[in-house]
mmCIF file of all heavy atoms, coordinates in Angstrom:
data_MODEL
# 
_entry.id   MODEL 
# 
loop_
_atom_site.group_PDB 
_atom_site.id 
_atom_site.type_symbol 
_atom_site.label_atom_id 
_atom_site.label_alt_id 
_atom_site.label_comp_id 
_atom_site.label_asym_id 
_atom_site.label_entity_id 
_atom_site.label_seq_id 
_atom_site.pdbx_PDB_ins_code 
_atom_site.Cartn_x 
_atom_site.Cartn_y 
_atom_site.Cartn_z 
_atom_site.occupancy 
_atom_site.B_iso_or_equiv 
_atom_site.pdbx_formal_charge 
_atom_site.auth_seq_id 
_atom_site.auth_comp_id 
_atom_site.auth_asym_id 
_atom_site.auth_atom_id 
_atom_site.pdbx_PDB_model_num 
ATOM 1   N N   . GLY A 1 1  ? 52.592 -6.358  -2.452  1.00 0.00 ? 1  GLY A N   1 
ATOM 2   C CA  . GLY A 1 1  ? 51.955 -5.567  -1.415  1.00 0.00 ? 1  GLY A CA  1 
ATOM 3   C C   . GLY A 1 1  ? 50.491 -5.292  -1.723  1.00 0.00 ? 1  GLY A C   1 
ATOM 4   O O   . GLY A 1 1  ? 49.626 -5.356  -0.845  1.00 0.00 ? 1  GLY A O   1 
ATOM 5   N N   . TYR A 1 2  ? 50.196 -4.986  -2.982  1.00 0.00 ? 2  TYR A N   1 
ATOM 6   C CA  . TYR A 1 2  ? 48.822 -4.699  -3.375  1.00 0.00 ? 2  TYR A CA  1 
ATOM 7   C C   . TYR A 1 2  ? 47.955 -5.956  -3.283  1.00 0.00 ? 2  TYR A C   1 
ATOM 8   O O   . TYR A 1 2  ? 46.826 -5.901  -2.790  1.00 0.00 ? 2  TYR A O   1 
ATOM 9   C CB  . TYR A 1 2  ? 48.779 -4.125  -4.788  1.00 0.00 ? 2  TYR A CB  1 
ATOM 10  C CG  . TYR A 1 2  ? 47.422 -3.576  -5.127  1.00 0.00 ? 2  TYR A CG  1 
ATOM 11  C CD1 . TYR A 1 2  ? 47.058 -2.307  -4.722  1.00 0.00 ? 2  TYR A CD1 1 
ATOM 12  C CD2 . TYR A 1 2  ? 46.497 -4.336  -5.822  1.00 0.00 ? 2  TYR A CD2 1 
ATOM 13  C CE1 . TYR A 1 2  ? 45.800 -1.795  -5.005  1.00 0.00 ? 2  TYR A CE1 1 
ATOM 14  C CE2 . TYR A 1 2  ? 45.235 -3.840  -6.115  1.00 0.00 ? 2  TYR A CE2 1 
ATOM 15  C CZ  . TYR A 1 2  ? 44.895 -2.569  -5.703  1.00 0.00 ? 2  TYR A CZ  1 
ATOM 16  O OH  . TYR A 1 2  ? 43.647 -2.074  -5.976  1.00 0.00 ? 2  TYR A OH  1 
ATOM 17  N N   . GLN A 1 3  ? 48.495 -7.086  -3.720  1.00 0.00 ? 3  GLN A N   1 
ATOM 18  C CA  . GLN A 1 3  ? 47.744 -8.344  -3.648  1.00 0.00 ? 3  GLN A CA  1 
ATOM 19  C C   . GLN A 1 3  ? 47.474 -8.720  -2.195  1.00 0.00 ? 3  GLN A C   1 
ATOM 20  O O   . GLN A 1 3  ? 46.389 -9.190  -1.857  1.00 0.00 ? 3  GLN A O   1 
ATOM 21  C CB  . GLN A 1 3  ? 48.510 -9.462  -4.357  1.00 0.00 ? 3  GLN A CB  1 
ATOM 22  C CG  . GLN A 1 3  ? 48.578 -9.287  -5.845  1.00 0.00 ? 3  GLN A CG  1 
ATOM 23  C CD  . GLN A 1 3  ? 49.627 -10.173 -6.493  1.00 0.00 ? 3  GLN A CD  1 
ATOM 24  O OE1 . GLN A 1 3  ? 50.342 -10.917 -5.825  1.00 0.00 ? 3  GLN A OE1 1 
ATOM 25  N NE2 . GLN A 1 3  ? 49.727 -10.090 -7.808  1.00 0.00 ? 3  GLN A NE2 1 
ATOM 26  N N   . PHE A 1 4  ? 48.452 -8.485  -1.322  1.00 0.00 ? 4  PHE A N   1 
ATOM 27  C CA  . PHE A 1 4  ? 48.269 -8.773  0.098   1.00 0.00 ? 4  PHE A CA  1 
ATOM 28  C C   . PHE A 1 4  ? 47.160 -7.894  0.665   1.00 0.00 ? 4  PHE A C   1 
ATOM 29  O O   . PHE A 1 4  ? 46.277 -8.377  1.386   1.00 0.00 ? 4  PHE A O   1 
ATOM 30  C CB  . PHE A 1 4  ? 49.572 -8.564  0.877   1.00 0.00 ? 4  PHE A CB  1 
ATOM 31  C CG  . PHE A 1 4  ? 49.446 -8.895  2.328   1.00 0.00 ? 4  PHE A CG  1 
ATOM 32  C CD1 . PHE A 1 4  ? 49.545 -10.208 2.768   1.00 0.00 ? 4  PHE A CD1 1 
ATOM 33  C CD2 . PHE A 1 4  ? 49.194 -7.907  3.259   1.00 0.00 ? 4  PHE A CD2 1 
ATOM 34  C CE1 . PHE A 1 4  ? 49.393 -10.528 4.110   1.00 0.00 ? 4  PHE A CE1 1 
ATOM 35  C CE2 . PHE A 1 4  ? 49.045 -8.209  4.604   1.00 0.00 ? 4  PHE A CE2 1 
ATOM 36  C CZ  . PHE A 1 4  ? 49.148 -9.528  5.035   1.00 0.00 ? 4  PHE A CZ  1 
ATOM 37  N N   . ALA A 1 5  ? 47.171 -6.604  0.340   1.00 0.00 ? 5  ALA A N   1 
ATOM 38  C CA  . ALA A 1 5  ? 46.138 -5.683  0.826   1.00 0.00 ? 5  ALA A CA  1 
ATOM 39  C C   . ALA A 1 5  ? 44.757 -6.109  0.327   1.00 0.00 ? 5  ALA A C   1 
ATOM 40  O O   . ALA A 1 5  ? 43.768 -6.038  1.067   1.00 0.00 ? 5  ALA A O   1 
ATOM 41  C CB  . ALA A 1 5  ? 46.463 -4.252  0.389   1.00 0.00 ? 5  ALA A CB  1 
ATOM 42  N N   . LEU A 1 6  ? 44.683 -6.556  -0.906  1.00 0.00 ? 6  LEU A N   1 
ATOM 43  C CA  . LEU A 1 6  ? 43.422 -7.032  -1.477  1.00 0.00 ? 6  LEU A CA  1 
ATOM 44  C C   . LEU A 1 6  ? 42.933 -8.269  -0.726  1.00 0.00 ? 6  LEU A C   1 
ATOM 45  O O   . LEU A 1 6  ? 41.758 -8.354  -0.347  1.00 0.00 ? 6  LEU A O   1 
ATOM 46  C CB  . LEU A 1 6  ? 43.610 -7.334  -2.954  1.00 0.00 ? 6  LEU A CB  1 
ATOM 47  C CG  . LEU A 1 6  ? 42.407 -7.849  -3.726  1.00 0.00 ? 6  LEU A CG  1 
ATOM 48  C CD1 . LEU A 1 6  ? 41.284 -6.822  -3.724  1.00 0.00 ? 6  LEU A CD1 1 
ATOM 49  C CD2 . LEU A 1 6  ? 42.810 -8.165  -5.159  1.00 0.00 ? 6  LEU A CD2 1 
ATOM 50  N N   . LEU A 1 7  ? 43.824 -9.212  -0.471  1.00 0.00 ? 7  LEU A N   1 
ATOM 51  C CA  . LEU A 1 7  ? 43.455 -10.428 0.266   1.00 0.00 ? 7  LEU A CA  1 
ATOM 52  C C   . LEU A 1 7  ? 42.977 -10.089 1.673   1.00 0.00 ? 7  LEU A C   1 
ATOM 53  O O   . LEU A 1 7  ? 41.964 -10.618 2.138   1.00 0.00 ? 7  LEU A O   1 
ATOM 54  C CB  . LEU A 1 7  ? 44.641 -11.398 0.319   1.00 0.00 ? 7  LEU A CB  1 
ATOM 55  C CG  . LEU A 1 7  ? 44.428 -12.672 1.137   1.00 0.00 ? 7  LEU A CG  1 
ATOM 56  C CD1 . LEU A 1 7  ? 43.261 -13.491 0.604   1.00 0.00 ? 7  LEU A CD1 1 
ATOM 57  C CD2 . LEU A 1 7  ? 45.709 -13.501 1.168   1.00 0.00 ? 7  LEU A CD2 1 
ATOM 58  N N   . VAL A 1 8  ? 43.678 -9.203  2.358   1.00 0.00 ? 8  VAL A N   1 
ATOM 59  C CA  . VAL A 1 8  ? 43.275 -8.819  3.720   1.00 0.00 ? 8  VAL A CA  1 
ATOM 60  C C   . VAL A 1 8  ? 41.899 -8.153  3.699   1.00 0.00 ? 8  VAL A C   1 
ATOM 61  O O   . VAL A 1 8  ? 41.045 -8.459  4.538   1.00 0.00 ? 8  VAL A O   1 
ATOM 62  C CB  . VAL A 1 8  ? 44.339 -7.903  4.378   1.00 0.00 ? 8  VAL A CB  1 
ATOM 63  C CG1 . VAL A 1 8  ? 43.803 -7.267  5.651   1.00 0.00 ? 8  VAL A CG1 1 
ATOM 64  C CG2 . VAL A 1 8  ? 45.603 -8.693  4.675   1.00 0.00 ? 8  VAL A CG2 1 
ATOM 65  N N   . ALA A 1 9  ? 41.668 -7.271  2.734   1.00 0.00 ? 9  ALA A N   1 
ATOM 66  C CA  . ALA A 1 9  ? 40.360 -6.611  2.636   1.00 0.00 ? 9  ALA A CA  1 
ATOM 67  C C   . ALA A 1 9  ? 39.250 -7.632  2.453   1.00 0.00 ? 9  ALA A C   1 
ATOM 68  O O   . ALA A 1 9  ? 38.194 -7.543  3.098   1.00 0.00 ? 9  ALA A O   1 
ATOM 69  C CB  . ALA A 1 9  ? 40.361 -5.607  1.485   1.00 0.00 ? 9  ALA A CB  1 
ATOM 70  N N   . LEU A 1 10 ? 39.475 -8.620  1.607   1.00 0.00 ? 10 LEU A N   1 
ATOM 71  C CA  . LEU A 1 10 ? 38.475 -9.667  1.396   1.00 0.00 ? 10 LEU A CA  1 
ATOM 72  C C   . LEU A 1 10 ? 38.298 -10.522 2.652   1.00 0.00 ? 10 LEU A C   1 
ATOM 73  O O   . LEU A 1 10 ? 37.178 -10.791 3.077   1.00 0.00 ? 10 LEU A O   1 
ATOM 74  C CB  . LEU A 1 10 ? 38.867 -10.538 0.202   1.00 0.00 ? 10 LEU A CB  1 
ATOM 75  C CG  . LEU A 1 10 ? 38.705 -9.893  -1.172  1.00 0.00 ? 10 LEU A CG  1 
ATOM 76  C CD1 . LEU A 1 10 ? 39.523 -10.634 -2.220  1.00 0.00 ? 10 LEU A CD1 1 
ATOM 77  C CD2 . LEU A 1 10 ? 37.235 -9.854  -1.568  1.00 0.00 ? 10 LEU A CD2 1 
ATOM 78  N N   . ALA A 1 11 ? 39.421 -10.935 3.258   1.00 0.00 ? 11 ALA A N   1 
ATOM 79  C CA  . ALA A 1 11 ? 39.369 -11.825 4.423   1.00 0.00 ? 11 ALA A CA  1 
ATOM 80  C C   . ALA A 1 11 ? 38.723 -11.144 5.627   1.00 0.00 ? 11 ALA A C   1 
ATOM 81  O O   . ALA A 1 11 ? 37.969 -11.778 6.371   1.00 0.00 ? 11 ALA A O   1 
ATOM 82  C CB  . ALA A 1 11 ? 40.775 -12.308 4.775   1.00 0.00 ? 11 ALA A CB  1 
ATOM 83  N N   . GLU A 1 12 ? 38.995 -9.866  5.836   1.00 0.00 ? 12 GLU A N   1 
ATOM 84  C CA  . GLU A 1 12 ? 38.412 -9.158  6.963   1.00 0.00 ? 12 GLU A CA  1 
ATOM 85  C C   . GLU A 1 12 ? 36.903 -8.974  6.797   1.00 0.00 ? 12 GLU A C   1 
ATOM 86  O O   . GLU A 1 12 ? 36.217 -8.649  7.750   1.00 0.00 ? 12 GLU A O   1 
ATOM 87  C CB  . GLU A 1 12 ? 39.090 -7.802  7.164   1.00 0.00 ? 12 GLU A CB  1 
ATOM 88  C CG  . GLU A 1 12 ? 40.490 -7.938  7.736   1.00 0.00 ? 12 GLU A CG  1 
ATOM 89  C CD  . GLU A 1 12 ? 41.213 -6.609  7.894   1.00 0.00 ? 12 GLU A CD  1 
ATOM 90  O OE1 . GLU A 1 12 ? 40.824 -5.615  7.226   1.00 0.00 ? 12 GLU A OE1 1 
ATOM 91  O OE2 . GLU A 1 12 ? 42.173 -6.578  8.679   1.00 0.00 ? 12 GLU A OE2 1 
ATOM 92  N N   . ASN A 1 13 ? 36.430 -9.172  5.582   1.00 0.00 ? 13 ASN A N   1 
ATOM 93  C CA  . ASN A 1 13 ? 34.998 -9.053  5.290   1.00 0.00 ? 13 ASN A CA  1 
ATOM 94  C C   . ASN A 1 13 ? 34.425 -10.385 4.817   1.00 0.00 ? 13 ASN A C   1 
ATOM 95  O O   . ASN A 1 13 ? 33.516 -10.420 3.985   1.00 0.00 ? 13 ASN A O   1 
ATOM 96  C CB  . ASN A 1 13 ? 34.784 -7.969  4.234   1.00 0.00 ? 13 ASN A CB  1 
ATOM 97  C CG  . ASN A 1 13 ? 35.067 -6.598  4.777   1.00 0.00 ? 13 ASN A CG  1 
ATOM 98  O OD1 . ASN A 1 13 ? 34.245 -6.011  5.463   1.00 0.00 ? 13 ASN A OD1 1 
ATOM 99  N ND2 . ASN A 1 13 ? 36.261 -6.086  4.507   1.00 0.00 ? 13 ASN A ND2 1 
ATOM 100 N N   . ALA A 1 14 ? 34.979 -11.478 5.332   1.00 0.00 ? 14 ALA A N   1 
ATOM 101 C CA  . ALA A 1 14 ? 34.550 -12.815 4.924   1.00 0.00 ? 14 ALA A CA  1 
ATOM 102 C C   . ALA A 1 14 ? 33.044 -12.963 5.035   1.00 0.00 ? 14 ALA A C   1 
ATOM 103 O O   . ALA A 1 14 ? 32.431 -12.543 6.012   1.00 0.00 ? 14 ALA A O   1 
ATOM 104 C CB  . ALA A 1 14 ? 35.245 -13.872 5.774   1.00 0.00 ? 14 ALA A CB  1 
ATOM 105 N N   . GLY A 1 15 ? 32.461 -13.529 3.984   1.00 0.00 ? 15 GLY A N   1 
ATOM 106 C CA  . GLY A 1 15 ? 31.032 -13.760 3.961   1.00 0.00 ? 15 GLY A CA  1 
ATOM 107 C C   . GLY A 1 15 ? 30.231 -12.613 3.365   1.00 0.00 ? 15 GLY A C   1 
ATOM 108 O O   . GLY A 1 15 ? 29.050 -12.771 3.094   1.00 0.00 ? 15 GLY A O   1 
ATOM 109 N N   . ARG A 1 16 ? 30.857 -11.467 3.166   1.00 0.00 ? 16 ARG A N   1 
ATOM 110 C CA  . ARG A 1 16 ? 30.185 -10.306 2.577   1.00 0.00 ? 16 ARG A CA  1 
ATOM 111 C C   . ARG A 1 16 ? 30.595 -10.166 1.120   1.00 0.00 ? 16 ARG A C   1 
ATOM 112 O O   . ARG A 1 16 ? 31.767 -10.291 0.782   1.00 0.00 ? 16 ARG A O   1 
ATOM 113 C CB  . ARG A 1 16 ? 30.602 -9.009  3.286   1.00 0.00 ? 16 ARG A CB  1 
ATOM 114 C CG  . ARG A 1 16 ? 30.046 -8.867  4.664   1.00 0.00 ? 16 ARG A CG  1 
ATOM 115 C CD  . ARG A 1 16 ? 30.409 -7.528  5.289   1.00 0.00 ? 16 ARG A CD  1 
ATOM 116 N NE  . ARG A 1 16 ? 30.040 -6.421  4.418   1.00 0.00 ? 16 ARG A NE  1 
ATOM 117 C CZ  . ARG A 1 16 ? 30.701 -5.267  4.367   1.00 0.00 ? 16 ARG A CZ  1 
ATOM 118 N NH1 . ARG A 1 16 ? 31.766 -5.072  5.114   1.00 0.00 ? 16 ARG A NH1 1 
ATOM 119 N NH2 . ARG A 1 16 ? 30.294 -4.301  3.572   1.00 0.00 ? 16 ARG A NH2 1 
ATOM 120 N N   . VAL A 1 17 ? 29.632 -9.868  0.264   1.00 0.00 ? 17 VAL A N   1 
ATOM 121 C CA  . VAL A 1 17 ? 29.933 -9.598  -1.140  1.00 0.00 ? 17 VAL A CA  1 
ATOM 122 C C   . VAL A 1 17 ? 30.477 -8.179  -1.226  1.00 0.00 ? 17 VAL A C   1 
ATOM 123 O O   . VAL A 1 17 ? 29.858 -7.237  -0.732  1.00 0.00 ? 17 VAL A O   1 
ATOM 124 C CB  . VAL A 1 17 ? 28.680 -9.736  -2.031  1.00 0.00 ? 17 VAL A CB  1 
ATOM 125 C CG1 . VAL A 1 17 ? 28.999 -9.372  -3.466  1.00 0.00 ? 17 VAL A CG1 1 
ATOM 126 C CG2 . VAL A 1 17 ? 28.136 -11.159 -1.948  1.00 0.00 ? 17 VAL A CG2 1 
ATOM 127 N N   . LEU A 1 18 ? 31.663 -8.050  -1.814  1.00 0.00 ? 18 LEU A N   1 
ATOM 128 C CA  . LEU A 1 18 ? 32.299 -6.745  -1.965  1.00 0.00 ? 18 LEU A CA  1 
ATOM 129 C C   . LEU A 1 18 ? 32.361 -6.372  -3.440  1.00 0.00 ? 18 LEU A C   1 
ATOM 130 O O   . LEU A 1 18 ? 32.896 -7.124  -4.252  1.00 0.00 ? 18 LEU A O   1 
ATOM 131 C CB  . LEU A 1 18 ? 33.710 -6.755  -1.385  1.00 0.00 ? 18 LEU A CB  1 
ATOM 132 C CG  . LEU A 1 18 ? 33.828 -7.092  0.099   1.00 0.00 ? 18 LEU A CG  1 
ATOM 133 C CD1 . LEU A 1 18 ? 35.289 -7.134  0.520   1.00 0.00 ? 18 LEU A CD1 1 
ATOM 134 C CD2 . LEU A 1 18 ? 33.060 -6.103  0.959   1.00 0.00 ? 18 LEU A CD2 1 
ATOM 135 N N   . SER A 1 19 ? 31.842 -5.204  -3.768  1.00 0.00 ? 19 SER A N   1 
ATOM 136 C CA  . SER A 1 19 ? 31.901 -4.708  -5.141  1.00 0.00 ? 19 SER A CA  1 
ATOM 137 C C   . SER A 1 19 ? 33.299 -4.175  -5.439  1.00 0.00 ? 19 SER A C   1 
ATOM 138 O O   . SER A 1 19 ? 34.114 -3.982  -4.529  1.00 0.00 ? 19 SER A O   1 
ATOM 139 C CB  . SER A 1 19 ? 30.881 -3.576  -5.336  1.00 0.00 ? 19 SER A CB  1 
ATOM 140 O OG  . SER A 1 19 ? 31.279 -2.444  -4.576  1.00 0.00 ? 19 SER A OG  1 
ATOM 141 N N   . ARG A 1 20 ? 33.583 -3.892  -6.710  1.00 0.00 ? 20 ARG A N   1 
ATOM 142 C CA  . ARG A 1 20 ? 34.865 -3.290  -7.084  1.00 0.00 ? 20 ARG A CA  1 
ATOM 143 C C   . ARG A 1 20 ? 35.090 -1.986  -6.341  1.00 0.00 ? 20 ARG A C   1 
ATOM 144 O O   . ARG A 1 20 ? 36.183 -1.707  -5.862  1.00 0.00 ? 20 ARG A O   1 
ATOM 145 C CB  . ARG A 1 20 ? 34.903 -3.003  -8.584  1.00 0.00 ? 20 ARG A CB  1 
ATOM 146 C CG  . ARG A 1 20 ? 35.055 -4.196  -9.442  1.00 0.00 ? 20 ARG A CG  1 
ATOM 147 C CD  . ARG A 1 20 ? 35.147 -3.741  -10.870 1.00 0.00 ? 20 ARG A CD  1 
ATOM 148 N NE  . ARG A 1 20 ? 35.164 -4.879  -11.762 1.00 0.00 ? 20 ARG A NE  1 
ATOM 149 C CZ  . ARG A 1 20 ? 35.404 -4.789  -13.045 1.00 0.00 ? 20 ARG A CZ  1 
ATOM 150 N NH1 . ARG A 1 20 ? 35.631 -3.626  -13.600 1.00 0.00 ? 20 ARG A NH1 1 
ATOM 151 N NH2 . ARG A 1 20 ? 35.415 -5.872  -13.783 1.00 0.00 ? 20 ARG A NH2 1 
ATOM 152 N N   . GLU A 1 21 ? 34.036 -1.165  -6.267  1.00 0.00 ? 21 GLU A N   1 
ATOM 153 C CA  . GLU A 1 21 ? 34.159 0.133   -5.616  1.00 0.00 ? 21 GLU A CA  1 
ATOM 154 C C   . GLU A 1 21 ? 34.483 -0.019  -4.129  1.00 0.00 ? 21 GLU A C   1 
ATOM 155 O O   . GLU A 1 21 ? 35.317 0.704   -3.587  1.00 0.00 ? 21 GLU A O   1 
ATOM 156 C CB  . GLU A 1 21 ? 32.866 0.940   -5.796  1.00 0.00 ? 21 GLU A CB  1 
ATOM 157 C CG  . GLU A 1 21 ? 32.596 1.355   -7.226  1.00 0.00 ? 21 GLU A CG  1 
ATOM 158 C CD  . GLU A 1 21 ? 32.038 0.223   -8.102  1.00 0.00 ? 21 GLU A CD  1 
ATOM 159 O OE1 . GLU A 1 21 ? 31.490 -0.779  -7.566  1.00 0.00 ? 21 GLU A OE1 1 
ATOM 160 O OE2 . GLU A 1 21 ? 32.185 0.320   -9.334  1.00 0.00 ? 21 GLU A OE2 1 
ATOM 161 N N   . THR A 1 22 ? 33.825 -0.962  -3.482  1.00 0.00 ? 22 THR A N   1 
ATOM 162 C CA  . THR A 1 22 ? 34.097 -1.199  -2.067  1.00 0.00 ? 22 THR A CA  1 
ATOM 163 C C   . THR A 1 22 ? 35.529 -1.685  -1.882  1.00 0.00 ? 22 THR A C   1 
ATOM 164 O O   . THR A 1 22 ? 36.223 -1.234  -0.970  1.00 0.00 ? 22 THR A O   1 
ATOM 165 C CB  . THR A 1 22 ? 33.106 -2.223  -1.484  1.00 0.00 ? 22 THR A CB  1 
ATOM 166 O OG1 . THR A 1 22 ? 31.780 -1.710  -1.648  1.00 0.00 ? 22 THR A OG1 1 
ATOM 167 C CG2 . THR A 1 22 ? 33.372 -2.490  -0.018  1.00 0.00 ? 22 THR A CG2 1 
ATOM 168 N N   . LEU A 1 23 ? 35.983 -2.588  -2.744  1.00 0.00 ? 23 LEU A N   1 
ATOM 169 C CA  . LEU A 1 23 ? 37.371 -3.061  -2.659  1.00 0.00 ? 23 LEU A CA  1 
ATOM 170 C C   . LEU A 1 23 ? 38.350 -1.909  -2.843  1.00 0.00 ? 23 LEU A C   1 
ATOM 171 O O   . LEU A 1 23 ? 39.347 -1.811  -2.128  1.00 0.00 ? 23 LEU A O   1 
ATOM 172 C CB  . LEU A 1 23 ? 37.632 -4.155  -3.688  1.00 0.00 ? 23 LEU A CB  1 
ATOM 173 C CG  . LEU A 1 23 ? 37.122 -5.532  -3.319  1.00 0.00 ? 23 LEU A CG  1 
ATOM 174 C CD1 . LEU A 1 23 ? 37.249 -6.486  -4.500  1.00 0.00 ? 23 LEU A CD1 1 
ATOM 175 C CD2 . LEU A 1 23 ? 37.847 -6.081  -2.108  1.00 0.00 ? 23 LEU A CD2 1 
ATOM 176 N N   . MET A 1 24 ? 38.068 -1.009  -3.786  1.00 0.00 ? 24 MET A N   1 
ATOM 177 C CA  . MET A 1 24 ? 38.946 0.149   -4.002  1.00 0.00 ? 24 MET A CA  1 
ATOM 178 C C   . MET A 1 24 ? 39.039 0.975   -2.728  1.00 0.00 ? 24 MET A C   1 
ATOM 179 O O   . MET A 1 24 ? 40.122 1.400   -2.339  1.00 0.00 ? 24 MET A O   1 
ATOM 180 C CB  . MET A 1 24 ? 38.419 1.038   -5.130  1.00 0.00 ? 24 MET A CB  1 
ATOM 181 C CG  . MET A 1 24 ? 38.734 0.504   -6.491  1.00 0.00 ? 24 MET A CG  1 
ATOM 182 S SD  . MET A 1 24 ? 38.369 1.629   -7.871  1.00 0.00 ? 24 MET A SD  1 
ATOM 183 C CE  . MET A 1 24 ? 37.156 2.751   -7.280  1.00 0.00 ? 24 MET A CE  1 
ATOM 184 N N   . ASP A 1 25 ? 37.909 1.192   -2.084  1.00 0.00 ? 25 ASP A N   1 
ATOM 185 C CA  . ASP A 1 25 ? 37.901 1.976   -0.851  1.00 0.00 ? 25 ASP A CA  1 
ATOM 186 C C   . ASP A 1 25 ? 38.698 1.278   0.253   1.00 0.00 ? 25 ASP A C   1 
ATOM 187 O O   . ASP A 1 25 ? 39.412 1.923   1.016   1.00 0.00 ? 25 ASP A O   1 
ATOM 188 C CB  . ASP A 1 25 ? 36.474 2.216   -0.364  1.00 0.00 ? 25 ASP A CB  1 
ATOM 189 C CG  . ASP A 1 25 ? 35.707 3.187   -1.245  1.00 0.00 ? 25 ASP A CG  1 
ATOM 190 O OD1 . ASP A 1 25 ? 36.346 3.921   -2.035  1.00 0.00 ? 25 ASP A OD1 1 
ATOM 191 O OD2 . ASP A 1 25 ? 34.463 3.195   -1.159  1.00 0.00 ? 25 ASP A OD2 1 
ATOM 192 N N   . LEU A 1 26 ? 38.568 -0.034  0.345   1.00 0.00 ? 26 LEU A N   1 
ATOM 193 C CA  . LEU A 1 26 ? 39.255 -0.792  1.395   1.00 0.00 ? 26 LEU A CA  1 
ATOM 194 C C   . LEU A 1 26 ? 40.752 -0.911  1.149   1.00 0.00 ? 26 LEU A C   1 
ATOM 195 O O   . LEU A 1 26 ? 41.545 -0.860  2.086   1.00 0.00 ? 26 LEU A O   1 
ATOM 196 C CB  . LEU A 1 26 ? 38.635 -2.185  1.528   1.00 0.00 ? 26 LEU A CB  1 
ATOM 197 C CG  . LEU A 1 26 ? 37.202 -2.233  2.057   1.00 0.00 ? 26 LEU A CG  1 
ATOM 198 C CD1 . LEU A 1 26 ? 36.646 -3.645  1.952   1.00 0.00 ? 26 LEU A CD1 1 
ATOM 199 C CD2 . LEU A 1 26 ? 37.141 -1.729  3.493   1.00 0.00 ? 26 LEU A CD2 1 
ATOM 200 N N   . VAL A 1 27 ? 41.144 -1.077  -0.105  1.00 0.00 ? 27 VAL A N   1 
ATOM 201 C CA  . VAL A 1 27 ? 42.558 -1.280  -0.425  1.00 0.00 ? 27 VAL A CA  1 
ATOM 202 C C   . VAL A 1 27 ? 43.290 0.058   -0.490  1.00 0.00 ? 27 VAL A C   1 
ATOM 203 O O   . VAL A 1 27 ? 44.468 0.137   -0.183  1.00 0.00 ? 27 VAL A O   1 
ATOM 204 C CB  . VAL A 1 27 ? 42.707 -2.094  -1.734  1.00 0.00 ? 27 VAL A CB  1 
ATOM 205 C CG1 . VAL A 1 27 ? 44.156 -2.190  -2.153  1.00 0.00 ? 27 VAL A CG1 1 
ATOM 206 C CG2 . VAL A 1 27 ? 42.124 -3.485  -1.548  1.00 0.00 ? 27 VAL A CG2 1 
ATOM 207 N N   . LYS A 1 28 ? 42.612 1.106   -0.881  1.00 0.00 ? 28 LYS A N   1 
ATOM 208 C CA  . LYS A 1 28 ? 43.167 2.463   -0.912  1.00 0.00 ? 28 LYS A CA  1 
ATOM 209 C C   . LYS A 1 28 ? 44.475 2.553   -1.675  1.00 0.00 ? 28 LYS A C   1 
ATOM 210 O O   . LYS A 1 28 ? 45.547 2.511   -1.109  1.00 0.00 ? 28 LYS A O   1 
ATOM 211 C CB  . LYS A 1 28 ? 43.359 2.988   0.503   1.00 0.00 ? 28 LYS A CB  1 
ATOM 212 C CG  . LYS A 1 28 ? 42.072 3.224   1.220   1.00 0.00 ? 28 LYS A CG  1 
ATOM 213 C CD  . LYS A 1 28 ? 42.342 3.884   2.542   1.00 0.00 ? 28 LYS A CD  1 
ATOM 214 C CE  . LYS A 1 28 ? 41.103 4.221   3.276   1.00 0.00 ? 28 LYS A CE  1 
ATOM 215 N NZ  . LYS A 1 28 ? 40.314 3.159   3.779   1.00 0.00 ? 28 LYS A NZ  1 
ATOM 216 N N   . GLY A 1 29 ? 44.370 2.668   -2.935  1.00 0.00 ? 29 GLY A N   1 
ATOM 217 C CA  . GLY A 1 29 ? 45.564 2.850   -3.738  1.00 0.00 ? 29 GLY A CA  1 
ATOM 218 C C   . GLY A 1 29 ? 45.433 2.149   -5.059  1.00 0.00 ? 29 GLY A C   1 
ATOM 219 O O   . GLY A 1 29 ? 44.508 1.373   -5.278  1.00 0.00 ? 29 GLY A O   1 
ATOM 220 N N   . GLU A 1 30 ? 46.341 2.447   -5.910  1.00 0.00 ? 30 GLU A N   1 
ATOM 221 C CA  . GLU A 1 30 ? 46.328 1.824   -7.219  1.00 0.00 ? 30 GLU A CA  1 
ATOM 222 C C   . GLU A 1 30 ? 47.480 0.843   -7.326  1.00 0.00 ? 30 GLU A C   1 
ATOM 223 O O   . GLU A 1 30 ? 48.573 1.106   -6.836  1.00 0.00 ? 30 GLU A O   1 
ATOM 224 C CB  . GLU A 1 30 ? 46.471 2.877   -8.311  1.00 0.00 ? 30 GLU A CB  1 
ATOM 225 C CG  . GLU A 1 30 ? 45.277 3.786   -8.408  1.00 0.00 ? 30 GLU A CG  1 
ATOM 226 C CD  . GLU A 1 30 ? 45.339 4.673   -9.626  1.00 0.00 ? 30 GLU A CD  1 
ATOM 227 O OE1 . GLU A 1 30 ? 45.982 4.291   -10.615 1.00 0.00 ? 30 GLU A OE1 1 
ATOM 228 O OE2 . GLU A 1 30 ? 44.741 5.743   -9.577  1.00 0.00 ? 30 GLU A OE2 1 
ATOM 229 N N   . PRO A 1 31 ? 47.239 -0.272  -7.971  1.00 0.00 ? 31 PRO A N   1 
ATOM 230 C CA  . PRO A 1 31 ? 48.330 -1.208  -8.200  1.00 0.00 ? 31 PRO A CA  1 
ATOM 231 C C   . PRO A 1 31 ? 49.333 -0.582  -9.162  1.00 0.00 ? 31 PRO A C   1 
ATOM 232 O O   . PRO A 1 31 ? 48.959 0.228   -10.003 1.00 0.00 ? 31 PRO A O   1 
ATOM 233 C CB  . PRO A 1 31 ? 47.644 -2.418  -8.823  1.00 0.00 ? 31 PRO A CB  1 
ATOM 234 C CG  . PRO A 1 31 ? 46.362 -1.903  -9.361  1.00 0.00 ? 31 PRO A CG  1 
ATOM 235 C CD  . PRO A 1 31 ? 45.980 -0.722  -8.527  1.00 0.00 ? 31 PRO A CD  1 
ATOM 236 N N   . PRO A 1 32 ? 50.610 -0.917  -9.029  1.00 0.00 ? 32 PRO A N   1 
ATOM 237 C CA  . PRO A 1 32 ? 51.621 -0.354  -9.906  1.00 0.00 ? 32 PRO A CA  1 
ATOM 238 C C   . PRO A 1 32 ? 51.301 -0.625  -11.372 1.00 0.00 ? 32 PRO A C   1 
ATOM 239 O O   . PRO A 1 32 ? 50.900 -1.722  -11.747 1.00 0.00 ? 32 PRO A O   1 
ATOM 240 C CB  . PRO A 1 32 ? 52.903 -1.081  -9.495  1.00 0.00 ? 32 PRO A CB  1 
ATOM 241 C CG  . PRO A 1 32 ? 52.601 -1.751  -8.211  1.00 0.00 ? 32 PRO A CG  1 
ATOM 242 C CD  . PRO A 1 32 ? 51.125 -1.881  -8.099  1.00 0.00 ? 32 PRO A CD  1 
ATOM 243 N N   . GLY A 1 33 ? 51.458 0.397   -12.212 1.00 0.00 ? 33 GLY A N   1 
ATOM 244 C CA  . GLY A 1 33 ? 51.283 0.236   -13.652 1.00 0.00 ? 33 GLY A CA  1 
ATOM 245 C C   . GLY A 1 33 ? 49.850 0.101   -14.106 1.00 0.00 ? 33 GLY A C   1 
ATOM 246 O O   . GLY A 1 33 ? 49.591 -0.212  -15.256 1.00 0.00 ? 33 GLY A O   1 
# 
């Protein structure tokens, strides 16, 4: 589920460079463990 959310966040912003912080904001949550 987390990997899917990460992929969607990247794909919905195709062509834009996303920092770690921006990805955290877009994915909203922590991966298990």
